[in-house]
Amino acid sequence: MDGQSLVIFLIIGIVAGWIAGQIVRGGGFGLIGDLIVGIVGSFIAGWLFPGFIHIGGSPVVSQVISAAIGAILLLLVLRLVRRA
């Protein structure tokens, strides 16, 4: 992964973390925590369902949606673990 791809990947993760934090209210970890969860969630999304979501036109939008789903899943799991 070159430097430009890494920066794009991090930006997508940050946007996905913000989206996940907005969707999973009460389960977030604050702004910085949600952004970190978004980055980790984008790794999870890339591992669980690479190329699973296709939206015509922009592959970046598809990647943001996939990363947001991964971040939402991670936030929900972390919410369950934190309550236990």
PDB file of N, CA and C in Angstrom:
ATOM      1  N   MET A   1       0.861  -1.166   0.000  1.00  0.00           N
ATOM      2  CA  MET A   1       0.000   0.000   0.000  1.00  0.00           C
ATOM      3  C   MET A   1       0.912   1.235   0.000  1.00  0.00           C
ATOM      4  N   ASP A   2       0.730   2.082  -0.984  1.00  0.00           N
ATOM      5  CA  ASP A   2       1.555   3.289  -1.050  1.00  0.00           C
ATOM      6  C   ASP A   2       0.967   4.390  -0.164  1.00  0.00           C
ATOM      7  N   GLY A   3       1.673   5.497  -0.064  1.00  0.00           N
ATOM      8  CA  GLY A   3       1.275   6.575   0.830  1.00  0.00           C
ATOM      9  C   GLY A   3      -0.070   7.180   0.490  1.00  0.00           C
ATOM     10  N   GLN A   4      -0.344   7.361  -0.783  1.00  0.00           N
ATOM     11  CA  GLN A   4      -1.602   7.952  -1.206  1.00  0.00           C
ATOM     12  C   GLN A   4      -2.780   7.035  -0.869  1.00  0.00           C
ATOM     13  N   SER A   5      -2.630   5.750  -1.079  1.00  0.00           N
ATOM     14  CA  SER A   5      -3.689   4.800  -0.749  1.00  0.00           C
ATOM     15  C   SER A   5      -3.955   4.772   0.746  1.00  0.00           C
ATOM     16  N   LEU A   6      -2.896   4.868   1.533  1.00  0.00           N
ATOM     17  CA  LEU A   6      -3.046   4.872   2.981  1.00  0.00           C
ATOM     18  C   LEU A   6      -3.812   6.100   3.452  1.00  0.00           C
ATOM     19  N   VAL A   7      -3.508   7.258   2.886  1.00  0.00           N
ATOM     20  CA  VAL A   7      -4.212   8.486   3.262  1.00  0.00           C
ATOM     21  C   VAL A   7      -5.691   8.393   2.885  1.00  0.00           C
ATOM     22  N   ILE A   8      -5.987   7.894   1.692  1.00  0.00           N
ATOM     23  CA  ILE A   8      -7.375   7.727   1.262  1.00  0.00           C
ATOM     24  C   ILE A   8      -8.091   6.743   2.177  1.00  0.00           C
ATOM     25  N   PHE A   9      -7.417   5.655   2.531  1.00  0.00           N
ATOM     26  CA  PHE A   9      -7.987   4.649   3.417  1.00  0.00           C
ATOM     27  C   PHE A   9      -8.310   5.259   4.782  1.00  0.00           C
ATOM     28  N   LEU A  10      -7.407   6.084   5.309  1.00  0.00           N
ATOM     29  CA  LEU A  10      -7.633   6.723   6.606  1.00  0.00           C
ATOM     30  C   LEU A  10      -8.772   7.729   6.542  1.00  0.00           C
ATOM     31  N   ILE A  11      -8.858   8.476   5.461  1.00  0.00           N
ATOM     32  CA  ILE A  11      -9.953   9.443   5.316  1.00  0.00           C
ATOM     33  C   ILE A  11     -11.288   8.723   5.240  1.00  0.00           C
ATOM     34  N   ILE A  12     -11.343   7.645   4.487  1.00  0.00           N
ATOM     35  CA  ILE A  12     -12.580   6.856   4.396  1.00  0.00           C
ATOM     36  C   ILE A  12     -12.945   6.307   5.776  1.00  0.00           C
ATOM     37  N   GLY A  13     -11.949   5.822   6.515  1.00  0.00           N
ATOM     38  CA  GLY A  13     -12.206   5.312   7.862  1.00  0.00           C
ATOM     39  C   GLY A  13     -12.719   6.384   8.801  1.00  0.00           C
ATOM     40  N   ILE A  14     -12.173   7.587   8.707  1.00  0.00           N
ATOM     41  CA  ILE A  14     -12.614   8.688   9.561  1.00  0.00           C
ATOM     42  C   ILE A  14     -14.062   9.069   9.247  1.00  0.00           C
ATOM     43  N   VAL A  15     -14.382   9.170   7.970  1.00  0.00           N
ATOM     44  CA  VAL A  15     -15.762   9.479   7.581  1.00  0.00           C
ATOM     45  C   VAL A  15     -16.699   8.367   8.048  1.00  0.00           C
ATOM     46  N   ALA A  16     -16.284   7.124   7.882  1.00  0.00           N
ATOM     47  CA  ALA A  16     -17.110   5.987   8.307  1.00  0.00           C
ATOM     48  C   ALA A  16     -17.296   5.996   9.822  1.00  0.00           C
ATOM     49  N   GLY A  17     -16.267   6.348  10.563  1.00  0.00           N
ATOM     50  CA  GLY A  17     -16.380   6.424  12.013  1.00  0.00           C
ATOM     51  C   GLY A  17     -17.343   7.494  12.452  1.00  0.00           C
ATOM     52  N   TRP A  18     -17.320   8.623  11.781  1.00  0.00           N
ATOM     53  CA  TRP A  18     -18.255   9.694  12.102  1.00  0.00           C
ATOM     54  C   TRP A  18     -19.692   9.250  11.808  1.00  0.00           C
ATOM     55  N   ILE A  19     -19.901   8.613  10.658  1.00  0.00           N
ATOM     56  CA  ILE A  19     -21.232   8.119  10.293  1.00  0.00           C
ATOM     57  C   ILE A  19     -21.710   7.085  11.315  1.00  0.00           C
ATOM     58  N   ALA A  20     -20.828   6.156  11.670  1.00  0.00           N
ATOM     59  CA  ALA A  20     -21.200   5.122  12.644  1.00  0.00           C
ATOM     60  C   ALA A  20     -21.528   5.739  13.990  1.00  0.00           C
ATOM     61  N   GLY A  21     -20.768   6.756  14.407  1.00  0.00           N
ATOM     62  CA  GLY A  21     -21.047   7.433  15.665  1.00  0.00           C
ATOM     63  C   GLY A  21     -22.395   8.130  15.658  1.00  0.00           C
ATOM     64  N   GLN A  22     -22.818   8.628  14.495  1.00  0.00           N
ATOM     65  CA  GLN A  22     -24.117   9.270  14.378  1.00  0.00           C
ATOM     66  C   GLN A  22     -25.257   8.247  14.399  1.00  0.00           C
ATOM     67  N   ILE A  23     -25.012   7.082  13.822  1.00  0.00           N
ATOM     68  CA  ILE A  23     -26.049   6.053  13.753  1.00  0.00           C
ATOM     69  C   ILE A  23     -26.196   5.330  15.079  1.00  0.00           C
ATOM     70  N   VAL A  24     -25.082   4.964  15.705  1.00  0.00           N
ATOM     71  CA  VAL A  24     -25.105   4.212  16.963  1.00  0.00           C
ATOM     72  C   VAL A  24     -24.999   5.224  18.103  1.00  0.00           C
ATOM     73  N   ARG A  25     -26.066   5.898  18.366  1.00  0.00           N
ATOM     74  CA  ARG A  25     -26.086   6.885  19.443  1.00  0.00           C
ATOM     75  C   ARG A  25     -25.982   6.180  20.785  1.00  0.00           C
ATOM     76  N   GLY A  26     -25.248   6.778  21.692  1.00  0.00           N
ATOM     77  CA  GLY A  26     -25.102   6.195  23.024  1.00  0.00           C
ATOM     78  C   GLY A  26     -24.083   5.081  23.073  1.00  0.00           C
ATOM     79  N   GLY A  27     -23.608   4.642  21.939  1.00  0.00           N
ATOM     80  CA  GLY A  27     -22.628   3.571  21.917  1.00  0.00           C
ATOM     81  C   GLY A  27     -21.275   4.049  21.468  1.00  0.00           C
ATOM     82  N   GLY A  28     -21.163   5.363  21.269  1.00  0.00           N
ATOM     83  CA  GLY A  28     -19.926   5.911  20.765  1.00  0.00           C
ATOM     84  C   GLY A  28     -18.894   6.122  21.857  1.00  0.00           C
ATOM     85  N   PHE A  29     -17.716   6.513  21.439  1.00  0.00           N
ATOM     86  CA  PHE A  29     -16.601   6.726  22.353  1.00  0.00           C
ATOM     87  C   PHE A  29     -16.076   8.148  22.222  1.00  0.00           C
ATOM     88  N   GLY A  30     -16.930   9.078  21.858  1.00  0.00           N
ATOM     89  CA  GLY A  30     -16.487  10.442  21.623  1.00  0.00           C
ATOM     90  C   GLY A  30     -15.964  10.584  20.208  1.00  0.00           C
ATOM     91  N   LEU A  31     -15.651  11.796  19.840  1.00  0.00           N
ATOM     92  CA  LEU A  31     -15.245  12.067  18.458  1.00  0.00           C
ATOM     93  C   LEU A  31     -13.996  11.297  18.064  1.00  0.00           C
ATOM     94  N   ILE A  32     -12.945  11.396  18.850  1.00  0.00           N
ATOM     95  CA  ILE A  32     -11.684  10.729  18.512  1.00  0.00           C
ATOM     96  C   ILE A  32     -11.854   9.213  18.548  1.00  0.00           C
ATOM     97  N   GLY A  33     -12.546   8.711  19.556  1.00  0.00           N
ATOM     98  CA  GLY A  33     -12.772   7.270  19.657  1.00  0.00           C
ATOM     99  C   GLY A  33     -13.560   6.727  18.486  1.00  0.00           C
ATOM    100  N   ASP A  34     -14.596   7.468  18.071  1.00  0.00           N
ATOM    101  CA  ASP A  34     -15.392   7.031  16.925  1.00  0.00           C
ATOM    102  C   ASP A  34     -14.575   7.051  15.637  1.00  0.00           C
ATOM    103  N   LEU A  35     -13.689   8.013  15.515  1.00  0.00           N
ATOM    104  CA  LEU A  35     -12.848   8.068  14.316  1.00  0.00           C
ATOM    105  C   LEU A  35     -11.893   6.880  14.277  1.00  0.00           C
ATOM    106  N   ILE A  36     -11.343   6.522  15.427  1.00  0.00           N
ATOM    107  CA  ILE A  36     -10.464   5.351  15.494  1.00  0.00           C
ATOM    108  C   ILE A  36     -11.258   4.085  15.199  1.00  0.00           C
ATOM    109  N   VAL A  37     -12.465   4.004  15.757  1.00  0.00           N
ATOM    110  CA  VAL A  37     -13.332   2.848  15.478  1.00  0.00           C
ATOM    111  C   VAL A  37     -13.659   2.790  13.996  1.00  0.00           C
ATOM    112  N   GLY A  38     -13.842   3.937  13.353  1.00  0.00           N
ATOM    113  CA  GLY A  38     -14.112   3.963  11.920  1.00  0.00           C
ATOM    114  C   GLY A  38     -12.949   3.425  11.107  1.00  0.00           C
ATOM    115  N   ILE A  39     -11.734   3.779  11.517  1.00  0.00           N
ATOM    116  CA  ILE A  39     -10.562   3.269  10.805  1.00  0.00           C
ATOM    117  C   ILE A  39     -10.460   1.762  10.978  1.00  0.00           C
ATOM    118  N   VAL A  40     -10.652   1.284  12.214  1.00  0.00           N
ATOM    119  CA  VAL A  40     -10.618  -0.162  12.461  1.00  0.00           C
ATOM    120  C   VAL A  40     -11.791  -0.838  11.741  1.00  0.00           C
ATOM    121  N   GLY A  41     -12.953  -0.182  11.751  1.00  0.00           N
ATOM    122  CA  GLY A  41     -14.122  -0.719  11.050  1.00  0.00           C
ATOM    123  C   GLY A  41     -13.907  -0.835   9.560  1.00  0.00           C
ATOM    124  N   SER A  42     -13.142   0.087   8.996  1.00  0.00           N
ATOM    125  CA  SER A  42     -12.870  -0.019   7.561  1.00  0.00           C
ATOM    126  C   SER A  42     -11.955  -1.199   7.263  1.00  0.00           C
ATOM    127  N   PHE A  43     -11.038  -1.501   8.181  1.00  0.00           N
ATOM    128  CA  PHE A  43     -10.239  -2.725   8.044  1.00  0.00           C
ATOM    129  C   PHE A  43     -11.142  -3.951   8.122  1.00  0.00           C
ATOM    130  N   ILE A  44     -12.070  -3.941   9.073  1.00  0.00           N
ATOM    131  CA  ILE A  44     -13.004  -5.070   9.233  1.00  0.00           C
ATOM    132  C   ILE A  44     -13.844  -5.237   7.966  1.00  0.00           C
ATOM    133  N   ALA A  45     -14.363  -4.130   7.446  1.00  0.00           N
ATOM    134  CA  ALA A  45     -15.183  -4.197   6.233  1.00  0.00           C
ATOM    135  C   ALA A  45     -14.383  -4.725   5.051  1.00  0.00           C
ATOM    136  N   GLY A  46     -13.132  -4.292   4.931  1.00  0.00           N
ATOM    137  CA  GLY A  46     -12.284  -4.786   3.852  1.00  0.00           C
ATOM    138  C   GLY A  46     -11.989  -6.267   3.978  1.00  0.00           C
ATOM    139  N   TRP A  47     -11.989  -6.766   5.204  1.00  0.00           N
ATOM    140  CA  TRP A  47     -11.711  -8.177   5.439  1.00  0.00           C
ATOM    141  C   TRP A  47     -12.981  -9.015   5.287  1.00  0.00           C
ATOM    142  N   LEU A  48     -14.118  -8.536   5.824  1.00  0.00           N
ATOM    143  CA  LEU A  48     -15.351  -9.324   5.801  1.00  0.00           C
ATOM    144  C   LEU A  48     -16.036  -9.356   4.440  1.00  0.00           C
ATOM    145  N   PHE A  49     -16.181  -8.202   3.838  1.00  0.00           N
ATOM    146  CA  PHE A  49     -16.894  -8.176   2.559  1.00  0.00           C
ATOM    147  C   PHE A  49     -16.234  -7.242   1.561  1.00  0.00           C
ATOM    148  N   PRO A  50     -15.096  -7.668   1.019  1.00  0.00           N
ATOM    149  CA  PRO A  50     -14.447  -6.843  -0.011  1.00  0.00           C
ATOM    150  C   PRO A  50     -15.270  -6.859  -1.299  1.00  0.00           C
ATOM    151  N   GLY A  51     -15.561  -5.703  -1.800  1.00  0.00           N
ATOM    152  CA  GLY A  51     -16.317  -5.610  -3.043  1.00  0.00           C
ATOM    153  C   GLY A  51     -17.758  -6.054  -2.923  1.00  0.00           C
ATOM    154  N   PHE A  52     -18.285  -6.131  -1.713  1.00  0.00           N
ATOM    155  CA  PHE A  52     -19.643  -6.622  -1.479  1.00  0.00           C
ATOM    156  C   PHE A  52     -20.694  -5.596  -1.907  1.00  0.00           C
ATOM    157  N   ILE A  53     -20.435  -4.326  -1.635  1.00  0.00           N
ATOM    158  CA  ILE A  53     -21.389  -3.271  -1.930  1.00  0.00           C
ATOM    159  C   ILE A  53     -20.904  -2.513  -3.157  1.00  0.00           C
ATOM    160  N   HIS A  54     -21.748  -2.461  -4.173  1.00  0.00           N
ATOM    161  CA  HIS A  54     -21.404  -1.744  -5.398  1.00  0.00           C
ATOM    162  C   HIS A  54     -22.480  -0.700  -5.670  1.00  0.00           C
ATOM    163  N   ILE A  55     -22.060   0.542  -5.718  1.00  0.00           N
ATOM    164  CA  ILE A  55     -22.966   1.628  -6.079  1.00  0.00           C
ATOM    165  C   ILE A  55     -22.398   2.241  -7.352  1.00  0.00           C
ATOM    166  N   GLY A  56     -23.222   2.301  -8.360  1.00  0.00           N
ATOM    167  CA  GLY A  56     -22.762   2.810  -9.643  1.00  0.00           C
ATOM    168  C   GLY A  56     -22.195   4.210  -9.544  1.00  0.00           C
ATOM    169  N   GLY A  57     -21.116   4.437 -10.239  1.00  0.00           N
ATOM    170  CA  GLY A  57     -20.552   5.775 -10.287  1.00  0.00           C
ATOM    171  C   GLY A  57     -19.257   5.908  -9.513  1.00  0.00           C
ATOM    172  N   SER A  58     -19.332   5.894  -8.215  1.00  0.00           N
ATOM    173  CA  SER A  58     -18.158   6.208  -7.406  1.00  0.00           C
ATOM    174  C   SER A  58     -17.766   5.045  -6.498  1.00  0.00           C
ATOM    175  N   PRO A  59     -16.571   4.508  -6.692  1.00  0.00           N
ATOM    176  CA  PRO A  59     -16.125   3.446  -5.789  1.00  0.00           C
ATOM    177  C   PRO A  59     -15.836   3.972  -4.385  1.00  0.00           C
ATOM    178  N   VAL A  60     -15.564   5.268  -4.254  1.00  0.00           N
ATOM    179  CA  VAL A  60     -15.300   5.834  -2.928  1.00  0.00           C
ATOM    180  C   VAL A  60     -16.556   5.782  -2.073  1.00  0.00           C
ATOM    181  N   VAL A  61     -17.708   6.061  -2.663  1.00  0.00           N
ATOM    182  CA  VAL A  61     -18.973   6.001  -1.920  1.00  0.00           C
ATOM    183  C   VAL A  61     -19.220   4.574  -1.447  1.00  0.00           C
ATOM    184  N   SER A  62     -18.969   3.600  -2.291  1.00  0.00           N
ATOM    185  CA  SER A  62     -19.123   2.200  -1.906  1.00  0.00           C
ATOM    186  C   SER A  62     -18.185   1.842  -0.761  1.00  0.00           C
ATOM    187  N   GLN A  63     -16.953   2.344  -0.816  1.00  0.00           N
ATOM    188  CA  GLN A  63     -15.996   2.055   0.243  1.00  0.00           C
ATOM    189  C   GLN A  63     -16.406   2.709   1.558  1.00  0.00           C
ATOM    190  N   VAL A  64     -16.934   3.929   1.491  1.00  0.00           N
ATOM    191  CA  VAL A  64     -17.382   4.606   2.707  1.00  0.00           C
ATOM    192  C   VAL A  64     -18.554   3.852   3.327  1.00  0.00           C
ATOM    193  N   ILE A  65     -19.482   3.398   2.512  1.00  0.00           N
ATOM    194  CA  ILE A  65     -20.628   2.642   3.029  1.00  0.00           C
ATOM    195  C   ILE A  65     -20.164   1.330   3.638  1.00  0.00           C
ATOM    196  N   SER A  66     -19.274   0.617   2.980  1.00  0.00           N
ATOM    197  CA  SER A  66     -18.741  -0.636   3.535  1.00  0.00           C
ATOM    198  C   SER A  66     -18.011  -0.382   4.842  1.00  0.00           C
ATOM    199  N   ALA A  67     -17.189   0.657   4.871  1.00  0.00           N
ATOM    200  CA  ALA A  67     -16.442   0.971   6.093  1.00  0.00           C
ATOM    201  C   ALA A  67     -17.380   1.394   7.211  1.00  0.00           C
ATOM    202  N   ALA A  68     -18.437   2.125   6.877  1.00  0.00           N
ATOM    203  CA  ALA A  68     -19.408   2.528   7.891  1.00  0.00           C
ATOM    204  C   ALA A  68     -20.120   1.313   8.471  1.00  0.00           C
ATOM    205  N   ILE A  69     -20.450   0.349   7.630  1.00  0.00           N
ATOM    206  CA  ILE A  69     -21.078  -0.878   8.126  1.00  0.00           C
ATOM    207  C   ILE A  69     -20.121  -1.620   9.051  1.00  0.00           C
ATOM    208  N   GLY A  70     -18.854  -1.711   8.665  1.00  0.00           N
ATOM    209  CA  GLY A  70     -17.863  -2.343   9.531  1.00  0.00           C
ATOM    210  C   GLY A  70     -17.709  -1.609  10.847  1.00  0.00           C
ATOM    211  N   ALA A  71     -17.715  -0.271  10.817  1.00  0.00           N
ATOM    212  CA  ALA A  71     -17.590   0.521  12.036  1.00  0.00           C
ATOM    213  C   ALA A  71     -18.828   0.382  12.918  1.00  0.00           C
ATOM    214  N   ILE A  72     -20.004   0.316  12.306  1.00  0.00           N
ATOM    215  CA  ILE A  72     -21.236   0.125  13.077  1.00  0.00           C
ATOM    216  C   ILE A  72     -21.207  -1.225  13.771  1.00  0.00           C
ATOM    217  N   LEU A  73     -20.801  -2.263  13.043  1.00  0.00           N
ATOM    218  CA  LEU A  73     -20.693  -3.592  13.652  1.00  0.00           C
ATOM    219  C   LEU A  73     -19.711  -3.571  14.823  1.00  0.00           C
ATOM    220  N   LEU A  74     -18.574  -2.916  14.632  1.00  0.00           N
ATOM    221  CA  LEU A  74     -17.583  -2.836  15.698  1.00  0.00           C
ATOM    222  C   LEU A  74     -18.113  -2.050  16.890  1.00  0.00           C
ATOM    223  N   LEU A  75     -18.811  -0.942  16.650  1.00  0.00           N
ATOM    224  CA  LEU A  75     -19.389  -0.170  17.753  1.00  0.00           C
ATOM    225  C   LEU A  75     -20.415  -0.982  18.528  1.00  0.00           C
ATOM    226  N   LEU A  76     -21.236  -1.754  17.820  1.00  0.00           N
ATOM    227  CA  LEU A  76     -22.232  -2.584  18.500  1.00  0.00           C
ATOM    228  C   LEU A  76     -21.573  -3.668  19.354  1.00  0.00           C
ATOM    229  N   VAL A  77     -20.522  -4.290  18.822  1.00  0.00           N
ATOM    230  CA  VAL A  77     -19.798  -5.308  19.592  1.00  0.00           C
ATOM    231  C   VAL A  77     -19.128  -4.675  20.808  1.00  0.00           C
ATOM    232  N   LEU A  78     -18.506  -3.512  20.602  1.00  0.00           N
ATOM    233  CA  LEU A  78     -17.855  -2.847  21.730  1.00  0.00           C
ATOM    234  C   LEU A  78     -18.863  -2.391  22.776  1.00  0.00           C
ATOM    235  N   ARG A  79     -20.053  -2.010  22.345  1.00  0.00           N
ATOM    236  CA  ARG A  79     -21.109  -1.630  23.288  1.00  0.00           C
ATOM    237  C   ARG A  79     -21.506  -2.839  24.141  1.00  0.00           C
ATOM    238  N   LEU A  80     -21.636  -4.006  23.515  1.00  0.00           N
ATOM    239  CA  LEU A  80     -21.991  -5.217  24.260  1.00  0.00           C
ATOM    240  C   LEU A  80     -20.899  -5.602  25.249  1.00  0.00           C
ATOM    241  N   VAL A  81     -19.649  -5.488  24.819  1.00  0.00           N
ATOM    242  CA  VAL A  81     -18.516  -5.849  25.679  1.00  0.00           C
ATOM    243  C   VAL A  81     -18.400  -4.860  26.836  1.00  0.00           C
ATOM    244  N   ARG A  82     -18.609  -3.598  26.567  1.00  0.00           N
ATOM    245  CA  ARG A  82     -18.479  -2.573  27.610  1.00  0.00           C
ATOM    246  C   ARG A  82     -19.555  -2.714  28.668  1.00  0.00           C
ATOM    247  N   ARG A  83     -20.744  -3.168  28.302  1.00  0.00           N
ATOM    248  CA  ARG A  83     -21.838  -3.350  29.257  1.00  0.00           C
ATOM    249  C   ARG A  83     -21.632  -4.589  30.122  1.00  0.00           C
ATOM    250  N   ALA A  84     -20.921  -5.579  29.600  1.00  0.00           N
ATOM    251  CA  ALA A  84     -20.758  -6.833  30.333  1.00  0.00           C
ATOM    252  C   ALA A  84     -19.746  -6.712  31.463  1.00  0.00           C
TER     253      ALA A  84
END
